[in-house]
Amino acid sequence: MSEARLRSPLGLGRATVALLGLVVAADLFAMWTGVLEIRVAGDILNGINDDAALRRGERSHLLHEASGVAQTLALLATAAVFLCWFHRVRVNAEVFDPARHSKARGWAVWGWFCPVVNLWFPRRVALDVWDAGARWADRPGHGLVNSWWTLWIVSLLADRATEWRYDTARGAVGWREALRLMLVSDALDAAAAVLAVLVVLRVTRMQRERALAGPVFVTALG
């Protein structure tokens, strides 16, 4: 394994925050289109099938499909940049405190993809980075990281439940209930993304302050 050295996380941190903002925007867009789809389901249940209702149905369906594409693209772009940021702050944290880490730096990336362990390995890496990056006299608690991770896991479970409910829905009633569950799933994902923004900002700031406080001093982090 190569020797750990400090590199600025600021650029990647800013890019990650911006892309997480796109994730939130895509989720809000999806929630809006979901509300439109629920109204269409209501039209069907109420027997409303005039030309205006048909146009609303076609429009809402196209918008809902577009929102799904937007969510997928935002997620892929954000995941790629977030992983680069996460690996960088993990390496930096090893410079600050080599003995604190319970997981090798490679888990900062691969821990997200390995089944089962991806439920807790990334959180463990994040906590080690959080503790190593804090200044000696300022050890913040883990509330923010734990809240983000809990909401992230809950949003994943809600997404799986939504997919199953949507695939097994029967009739307009089942479709409407699946859409309502989808609204909850999208809201949870947006909330998790907001907390992720706070984590990225806090970790990036802590590492910059730690680097400038010494004994490690690197002008690239200035």
Foldseek 3Di string as FASTA:
>chain_A
DDAQDAAALVVLLVVLLVLLVLLLVLLVQLLVLLVLCLVLLVCVVVVNDDPVSVVSNVVSVVSNVVSVVSNVVSVVVNLVSVLVSQLNLLSLLCVQPVPQAPDDSVCSRCCCPDPPSVLPSNLSSLQSSLQSLADPVDRDDCVLSVVLSVLVVVLVVLVVVLVVQCVPADGSVSNSVSSVSSNVSSVSSSVSSVSVSVSSVVSSVSNLVNCVVDPHHDPNND
